[in-house]
C-alpha atoms as a PDB file:
ATOM      1  CA  SER A   1      76.157 111.194  92.129  1.00  0.00           C
ATOM      2  CA  ASP A   2      75.045 108.304  94.251  1.00  0.00           C
ATOM      3  CA  GLY A   3      78.837 107.037  95.083  1.00  0.00           C
ATOM      4  CA  SER A   4      79.260 104.365  92.199  1.00  0.00           C
ATOM      5  CA  ILE A   5      82.172 103.748  90.698  1.00  0.00           C
ATOM      6  CA  ARG A   6      82.679 102.126  87.151  1.00  0.00           C
ATOM      7  CA  LEU A   7      85.696 100.808  85.239  1.00  0.00           C
ATOM      8  CA  HIS A   8      84.982 100.421  81.627  1.00  0.00           C
ATOM      9  CA  GLN A   9      87.084  99.301  78.873  1.00  0.00           C
ATOM     10  CA  MET A  10      87.449 101.896  75.855  1.00  0.00           C
ATOM     11  CA  THR A  11      85.922  99.201  73.332  1.00  0.00           C
ATOM     12  CA  SER A  12      82.578  98.788  75.753  1.00  0.00           C
ATOM     13  CA  GLU A  13      79.619 100.635  76.836  1.00  0.00           C
ATOM     14  CA  TYR A  14      79.045  98.675  79.198  1.00  0.00           C
ATOM     15  CA  PRO A  15      81.770  98.272  82.490  1.00  0.00           C
ATOM     16  CA  VAL A  16      84.279  96.221  82.897  1.00  0.00           C
ATOM     17  CA  MET A  17      83.586  96.432  87.239  1.00  0.00           C
ATOM     18  CA  GLN A  18      80.824  98.210  88.847  1.00  0.00           C
ATOM     19  CA  TRP A  19      81.090  99.154  92.745  1.00  0.00           C
ATOM     20  CA  ASN A  20      77.548 100.419  93.954  1.00  0.00           C
ATOM     21  CA  ASP A  21      77.721 102.446  96.777  1.00  0.00           C
ATOM     22  CA  SER A  22      81.269 102.814  97.226  1.00  0.00           C
ATOM     23  CA  THR A  23      81.234 106.132  99.203  1.00  0.00           C
ATOM     24  CA  ASN A  24      78.271 105.179 101.411  1.00  0.00           C
ATOM     25  CA  GLY A  25      76.288 107.017  99.045  1.00  0.00           C
ATOM     26  CA  GLN A  26      78.382 110.315  98.673  1.00  0.00           C
ATOM     27  CA  PRO A  27      78.853 111.745  95.535  1.00  0.00           C
ATOM     28  CA  VAL A  28      82.619 111.188  93.899  1.00  0.00           C
ATOM     29  CA  ILE A  29      83.895 114.583  94.019  1.00  0.00           C
ATOM     30  CA  ALA A  30      87.479 113.413  92.172  1.00  0.00           C
ATOM     31  CA  LEU A  31      88.793 110.103  91.038  1.00  0.00           C
ATOM     32  CA  GLN A  32      92.868 109.318  89.628  1.00  0.00           C
ATOM     33  CA  TRP A  33      94.835 106.196  89.452  1.00  0.00           C
ATOM     34  CA  ALA A  34      98.031 106.468  90.688  1.00  0.00           C
ATOM     35  CA  LEU A  35     100.775 107.327  88.209  1.00  0.00           C
ATOM     36  CA  THR A  36     102.961 104.945  89.616  1.00  0.00           C
ATOM     37  CA  ARG A  37     101.046 101.959  90.464  1.00  0.00           C
ATOM     38  CA  PRO A  38      98.741 101.168  87.629  1.00  0.00           C
ATOM     39  CA  ALA A  39      96.244  98.764  89.723  1.00  0.00           C
ATOM     40  CA  VAL A  40      95.787 101.771  92.168  1.00  0.00           C
ATOM     41  CA  PHE A  41      93.323 104.264  92.748  1.00  0.00           C
ATOM     42  CA  PHE A  42      91.980 107.250  94.654  1.00  0.00           C
ATOM     43  CA  ALA A  43      88.419 108.405  95.217  1.00  0.00           C
ATOM     44  CA  LEU A  44      87.355 111.892  96.943  1.00  0.00           C
ATOM     45  CA  ASP A  45      83.725 111.915  98.188  1.00  0.00           C
ATOM     46  CA  ALA A  46      81.586 114.700  99.271  1.00  0.00           C
ATOM     47  CA  SER A  47      82.291 114.175 102.733  1.00  0.00           C
ATOM     48  CA  SER A  48      86.434 114.497 102.320  1.00  0.00           C
ATOM     49  CA  ASN A  49      87.031 111.333 102.716  1.00  0.00           C
ATOM     50  CA  ILE A  50      89.431 109.248 100.495  1.00  0.00           C
ATOM     51  CA  TYR A  51      89.540 105.695  99.055  1.00  0.00           C
ATOM     52  CA  ILE A  52      91.926 104.028  98.762  1.00  0.00           C
ATOM     53  CA  TRP A  53      91.409 100.957  95.773  1.00  0.00           C
ATOM     54  CA  ASP A  54      94.529  98.353  95.312  1.00  0.00           C
ATOM     55  CA  LEU A  55      92.705  96.346  92.620  1.00  0.00           C
ATOM     56  CA  LEU A  56      95.722  93.622  93.206  1.00  0.00           C
ATOM     57  CA  GLU A  57      94.764  93.213  96.622  1.00  0.00           C
ATOM     58  CA  ASN A  58      91.596  93.236  96.643  1.00  0.00           C
ATOM     59  CA  ASP A  59      88.373  94.389  93.966  1.00  0.00           C
ATOM     60  CA  LEU A  60      85.692  94.188  95.978  1.00  0.00           C
ATOM     61  CA  TRP A  61      85.980  97.202  98.249  1.00  0.00           C
ATOM     62  CA  PRO A  62      88.845  99.789  99.420  1.00  0.00           C
ATOM     63  CA  VAL A  63      91.678  98.503 101.283  1.00  0.00           C
ATOM     64  CA  ALA A  64      91.767 101.551 102.999  1.00  0.00           C
ATOM     65  CA  LYS A  65      89.779 105.089 103.788  1.00  0.00           C
ATOM     66  CA  GLU A  66      91.186 108.557 105.551  1.00  0.00           C
ATOM     67  CA  THR A  67      88.904 111.236 106.525  1.00  0.00           C
ATOM     68  CA  ILE A  68      90.353 114.699 106.097  1.00  0.00           C
ATOM     69  CA  PRO A  69      89.538 116.411 109.447  1.00  0.00           C
ATOM     70  CA  SER A  70      88.780 120.366 109.800  1.00  0.00           C
ATOM     71  CA  GLU A  71      88.575 122.287 106.418  1.00  0.00           C
ATOM     72  CA  LYS A  72      86.144 120.426 103.430  1.00  0.00           C
ATOM     73  CA  VAL A  73      88.004 119.317 100.604  1.00  0.00           C
ATOM     74  CA  VAL A  74      87.220 120.141  97.183  1.00  0.00           C
ATOM     75  CA  ALA A  75      89.567 118.822  94.749  1.00  0.00           C
ATOM     76  CA  MET A  76      92.427 116.477  94.693  1.00  0.00           C
ATOM     77  CA  ALA A  77      95.444 115.519  92.440  1.00  0.00           C
ATOM     78  CA  LEU A  78      97.657 113.116  92.277  1.00  0.00           C
ATOM     79  CA  LEU A  79     101.652 113.851  91.851  1.00  0.00           C
ATOM     80  CA  GLY A  80     104.473 111.674  90.820  1.00  0.00           C
ATOM     81  CA  ALA A  81     107.258 110.388  88.518  1.00  0.00           C
ATOM     82  CA  PRO A  82     105.945 107.076  86.877  1.00  0.00           C
ATOM     83  CA  GLU A  83     109.631 107.240  84.913  1.00  0.00           C
ATOM     84  CA  LYS A  84     111.449 107.084  88.027  1.00  0.00           C
ATOM     85  CA  ALA A  85     112.382 104.005  90.214  1.00  0.00           C
ATOM     86  CA  ASN A  86     111.702 105.566  93.900  1.00  0.00           C
ATOM     87  CA  GLY A  87     108.248 104.950  93.881  1.00  0.00           C
ATOM     88  CA  LEU A  88     107.183 107.960  95.165  1.00  0.00           C
ATOM     89  CA  LEU A  89     103.830 109.118  95.078  1.00  0.00           C
ATOM     90  CA  GLY A  90     101.674 112.928  96.253  1.00  0.00           C
ATOM     91  CA  ILE A  91      98.314 113.803  97.112  1.00  0.00           C
ATOM     92  CA  VAL A  92      97.702 116.996  96.380  1.00  0.00           C
ATOM     93  CA  LEU A  93      94.212 118.453  98.256  1.00  0.00           C
ATOM     94  CA  ALA A  94      92.254 121.670  97.773  1.00  0.00           C
ATOM     95  CA  LYS A  95      90.783 122.647 100.924  1.00  0.00           C
ATOM     96  CA  GLU A  96      87.189 125.148 100.891  1.00  0.00           C
ATOM     97  CA  PRO A  97      88.954 128.169 102.591  1.00  0.00           C
ATOM     98  CA  GLY A  98      91.382 127.999  99.621  1.00  0.00           C
ATOM     99  CA  GLN A  99      94.581 126.089 101.722  1.00  0.00           C
ATOM    100  CA  ILE A 100      97.043 123.593  99.628  1.00  0.00           C
ATOM    101  CA  ASP A 101      97.905 120.556 101.007  1.00  0.00           C
ATOM    102  CA  VAL A 102     100.568 117.945  99.855  1.00  0.00           C
ATOM    103  CA  GLN A 103     100.912 114.178 101.114  1.00  0.00           C
ATOM    104  CA  TYR A 104     102.804 111.395 100.391  1.00  0.00           C
ATOM    105  CA  VAL A 105     101.430 107.967  99.903  1.00  0.00           C
ATOM    106  CA  LYS A 106     102.602 104.998 101.811  1.00  0.00           C
ATOM    107  CA  LYS A 107     105.241 103.064  99.385  1.00  0.00           C
ATOM    108  CA  LYS A 108     102.825  99.739  99.126  1.00  0.00           C
ATOM    109  CA  TRP A 109     100.453 101.959  97.486  1.00  0.00           C
ATOM    110  CA  ALA A 110     103.089 104.098  95.250  1.00  0.00           C
ATOM    111  CA  SER A 111     105.941 101.379  94.519  1.00  0.00           C
ATOM    112  CA  PRO A 112     105.614 100.182  91.208  1.00  0.00           C
END
């Protein structure tokens, strides 16, 4: 609820990494690892901002931030086929009035 993100290892109760105020204090609504690139994850905040984290490029802050204009985004899911070498990764956004938007992610954040 405070915008912090914690990366945990299954064998420990303490986080391996913690990013405080990673969304400028906005609650994190959804967070999901990229299906095609293990070091990348996406976070959606309550203000319809999507933060892209690539831990191989930078492990201190997101490498990109995308604000979704117009309707409020209430849910996010990623789609892709990790077993395929094409590296296609899509992001599905559910907007408040009931619209679904599918967008493809840049290859540099999707390729294995």
